C-alpha atoms as a PDB file:
ATOM      1  CA  MET A   1     -29.858 -21.679  -0.892  1.00  0.00           C
ATOM      2  CA  GLU A   2     -29.170 -21.322  -4.516  1.00  0.00           C
ATOM      3  CA  THR A   3     -25.693 -20.729  -5.991  1.00  0.00           C
ATOM      4  CA  PRO A   4     -25.526 -17.412  -7.974  1.00  0.00           C
ATOM      5  CA  ALA A   5     -24.924 -17.718 -11.736  1.00  0.00           C
ATOM      6  CA  PRO A   6     -21.239 -17.411 -12.718  1.00  0.00           C
ATOM      7  CA  THR A   7     -22.110 -14.215 -14.676  1.00  0.00           C
ATOM      8  CA  ASP A   8     -23.405 -12.733 -11.564  1.00  0.00           C
ATOM      9  CA  LEU A   9     -20.373 -13.653  -9.746  1.00  0.00           C
ATOM     10  CA  LEU A  10     -18.258 -11.989 -12.498  1.00  0.00           C
ATOM     11  CA  ALA A  11     -20.320  -8.773 -12.263  1.00  0.00           C
ATOM     12  CA  ALA A  12     -20.030  -8.686  -8.621  1.00  0.00           C
ATOM     13  CA  ALA A  13     -16.279  -9.247  -8.382  1.00  0.00           C
ATOM     14  CA  PHE A  14     -15.851  -6.531 -11.232  1.00  0.00           C
ATOM     15  CA  ALA A  15     -18.089  -4.119  -9.311  1.00  0.00           C
ATOM     16  CA  VAL A  16     -16.520  -4.649  -5.855  1.00  0.00           C
ATOM     17  CA  GLY A  17     -12.974  -4.290  -7.496  1.00  0.00           C
ATOM     18  CA  VAL A  18     -13.872  -0.910  -9.196  1.00  0.00           C
ATOM     19  CA  LEU A  19     -15.492   0.346  -5.923  1.00  0.00           C
ATOM     20  CA  PHE A  20     -12.128  -0.583  -3.906  1.00  0.00           C
ATOM     21  CA  LEU A  21     -10.157   1.160  -6.403  1.00  0.00           C
ATOM     22  CA  ALA A  22     -12.355   4.297  -5.980  1.00  0.00           C
ATOM     23  CA  ARG A  23     -11.752   3.888  -2.290  1.00  0.00           C
ATOM     24  CA  PHE A  24      -7.893   3.764  -3.029  1.00  0.00           C
ATOM     25  CA  ALA A  25      -8.091   6.894  -5.126  1.00  0.00           C
ATOM     26  CA  LEU A  26     -10.077   8.673  -2.315  1.00  0.00           C
ATOM     27  CA  ALA A  27      -7.591   7.636   0.214  1.00  0.00           C
ATOM     28  CA  LEU A  28      -4.830   9.125  -1.911  1.00  0.00           C
ATOM     29  CA  ARG A  29      -6.805  12.253  -2.063  1.00  0.00           C
ATOM     30  CA  ARG A  30      -7.025  12.448   1.564  1.00  0.00           C
ATOM     31  CA  ILE A  31      -3.138  12.088   1.808  1.00  0.00           C
ATOM     32  CA  ARG A  32      -2.760  14.617  -0.924  1.00  0.00           C
ATOM     33  CA  SER A  33      -4.983  17.224   0.934  1.00  0.00           C
ATOM     34  CA  GLU A  34      -3.187  16.757   4.391  1.00  0.00           C
ATOM     35  CA  LEU A  35       0.461  16.846   2.862  1.00  0.00           C
ATOM     36  CA  GLY A  36      -0.315  20.064   0.776  1.00  0.00           C
ATOM     37  CA  ASP A  37       2.874  21.391  -0.964  1.00  0.00           C
ATOM     38  CA  ARG A  38       4.926  18.280   0.306  1.00  0.00           C
ATOM     39  CA  TRP A  39       2.999  15.999  -2.222  1.00  0.00           C
ATOM     40  CA  PRO A  40       5.446  14.318  -4.612  1.00  0.00           C
ATOM     41  CA  ARG A  41       5.116  14.328  -8.231  1.00  0.00           C
ATOM     42  CA  GLU A  42       2.305  12.269  -9.641  1.00  0.00           C
ATOM     43  CA  PRO A  43       3.919   9.038 -10.779  1.00  0.00           C
ATOM     44  CA  GLN A  44       5.962   8.964  -7.602  1.00  0.00           C
ATOM     45  CA  ALA A  45       2.977   9.244  -5.383  1.00  0.00           C
ATOM     46  CA  TRP A  46       1.123   6.291  -6.890  1.00  0.00           C
ATOM     47  CA  ARG A  47       4.166   4.158  -6.652  1.00  0.00           C
ATOM     48  CA  GLY A  48       5.146   5.674  -3.109  1.00  0.00           C
ATOM     49  CA  VAL A  49       1.906   4.318  -1.593  1.00  0.00           C
ATOM     50  CA  THR A  50       3.312   0.684  -1.515  1.00  0.00           C
ATOM     51  CA  ARG A  51       6.527   1.864   0.341  1.00  0.00           C
ATOM     52  CA  PRO A  52       6.559   2.163   4.170  1.00  0.00           C
ATOM     53  CA  GLN A  53       7.015   5.762   5.514  1.00  0.00           C
ATOM     54  CA  ALA A  54       6.788   7.233   1.851  1.00  0.00           C
ATOM     55  CA  PHE A  55       4.595  10.219   3.005  1.00  0.00           C
ATOM     56  CA  GLY A  56       6.174  10.429   6.495  1.00  0.00           C
ATOM     57  CA  GLU A  57       5.141   9.109  10.051  1.00  0.00           C
ATOM     58  CA  ALA A  58       2.077  10.994  10.454  1.00  0.00           C
ATOM     59  CA  MET A  59       0.566   9.759   7.320  1.00  0.00           C
ATOM     60  CA  GLU A  60       1.445   6.056   7.782  1.00  0.00           C
ATOM     61  CA  PRO A  61      -2.063   5.000   8.875  1.00  0.00           C
ATOM     62  CA  ASN A  62      -3.566   6.662   5.791  1.00  0.00           C
ATOM     63  CA  ARG A  63      -0.959   5.011   3.573  1.00  0.00           C
ATOM     64  CA  ARG A  64      -1.701   1.468   4.988  1.00  0.00           C
ATOM     65  CA  HIS A  65      -5.320   2.064   4.586  1.00  0.00           C
ATOM     66  CA  ALA A  66      -4.681   3.078   0.800  1.00  0.00           C
ATOM     67  CA  VAL A  67      -2.454   0.005   0.293  1.00  0.00           C
ATOM     68  CA  ARG A  68      -5.184  -2.271   1.653  1.00  0.00           C
ATOM     69  CA  GLN A  69      -7.868  -0.751  -0.695  1.00  0.00           C
ATOM     70  CA  LEU A  70      -5.541  -1.175  -3.617  1.00  0.00           C
ATOM     71  CA  GLY A  71      -4.833  -4.897  -2.697  1.00  0.00           C
ATOM     72  CA  VAL A  72      -8.470  -5.829  -2.388  1.00  0.00           C
ATOM     73  CA  GLY A  73      -9.302  -3.806  -5.513  1.00  0.00           C
ATOM     74  CA  LEU A  74      -6.787  -5.658  -7.618  1.00  0.00           C
ATOM     75  CA  PHE A  75      -7.549  -8.904  -6.178  1.00  0.00           C
ATOM     76  CA  CYS A  76     -11.271  -8.715  -6.908  1.00  0.00           C
ATOM     77  CA  LEU A  77     -10.415  -7.489 -10.510  1.00  0.00           C
ATOM     78  CA  ALA A  78      -8.008 -10.242 -10.952  1.00  0.00           C
ATOM     79  CA  LEU A  79     -10.687 -12.761  -9.917  1.00  0.00           C
ATOM     80  CA  ALA A  80     -13.151 -11.115 -12.151  1.00  0.00           C
ATOM     81  CA  ALA A  81     -10.663 -11.395 -15.088  1.00  0.00           C
ATOM     82  CA  ILE A  82     -10.183 -15.046 -14.349  1.00  0.00           C
ATOM     83  CA  LEU A  83     -13.729 -15.806 -14.388  1.00  0.00           C
ATOM     84  CA  GLY A  84     -14.381 -13.898 -17.244  1.00  0.00           C
ATOM     85  CA  LEU A  85     -11.633 -15.694 -19.325  1.00  0.00           C
ATOM     86  CA  TRP A  86     -13.154 -19.055 -18.002  1.00  0.00           C
ATOM     87  CA  LEU A  87     -16.469 -18.181 -19.153  1.00  0.00           C
ATOM     88  CA  ALA A  88     -15.333 -17.052 -22.473  1.00  0.00           C
ATOM     89  CA  GLY A  89     -13.471 -20.327 -22.781  1.00  0.00           C
ATOM     90  CA  ALA A  90     -16.567 -22.151 -21.864  1.00  0.00           C
ATOM     91  CA  ALA A  91     -18.643 -20.224 -24.590  1.00  0.00           C
ATOM     92  CA  LEU A  92     -15.962 -20.534 -27.353  1.00  0.00           C
ATOM     93  CA  PHE A  93     -14.363 -24.051 -26.558  1.00  0.00           C
ATOM     94  CA  GLY A  94     -16.955 -25.686 -24.497  1.00  0.00           C
ATOM     95  CA  TRP A  95     -15.039 -25.754 -21.324  1.00  0.00           C
ATOM     96  CA  PRO A  96     -17.150 -26.966 -18.292  1.00  0.00           C
ATOM     97  CA  VAL A  97     -18.356 -24.249 -16.093  1.00  0.00           C
ATOM     98  CA  PRO A  98     -18.165 -25.183 -12.435  1.00  0.00           C
ATOM     99  CA  PHE A  99     -21.064 -24.425 -10.000  1.00  0.00           C
ATOM    100  CA  ALA A 100     -23.210 -23.610 -13.170  1.00  0.00           C
ATOM    101  CA  SER A 101     -26.790 -24.781 -12.689  1.00  0.00           C
ATOM    102  CA  ALA A 102     -27.820 -27.307 -15.235  1.00  0.00           C
END
């Protein structure tokens, strides 16, 4: 079995990160539609998703789902950024690229 190219890994990590952030936005949209008029102002809502009981007891499962989507999305984007910087350093400064096929 061949190891994927580092650029393919970079593209995959970036795509997965963006998709999980889209899922996070959809989870917040679901919470907003269920809360209706009780939805807080916009900056508070984005920060509130990380605080337990921010939207009430009934919304807690949806809030935890949104936090998981946010965490995985940010992790994948951070991984893509690190790999992208490593590949840029390899192109500019000749750093070795691990698991790159010779």
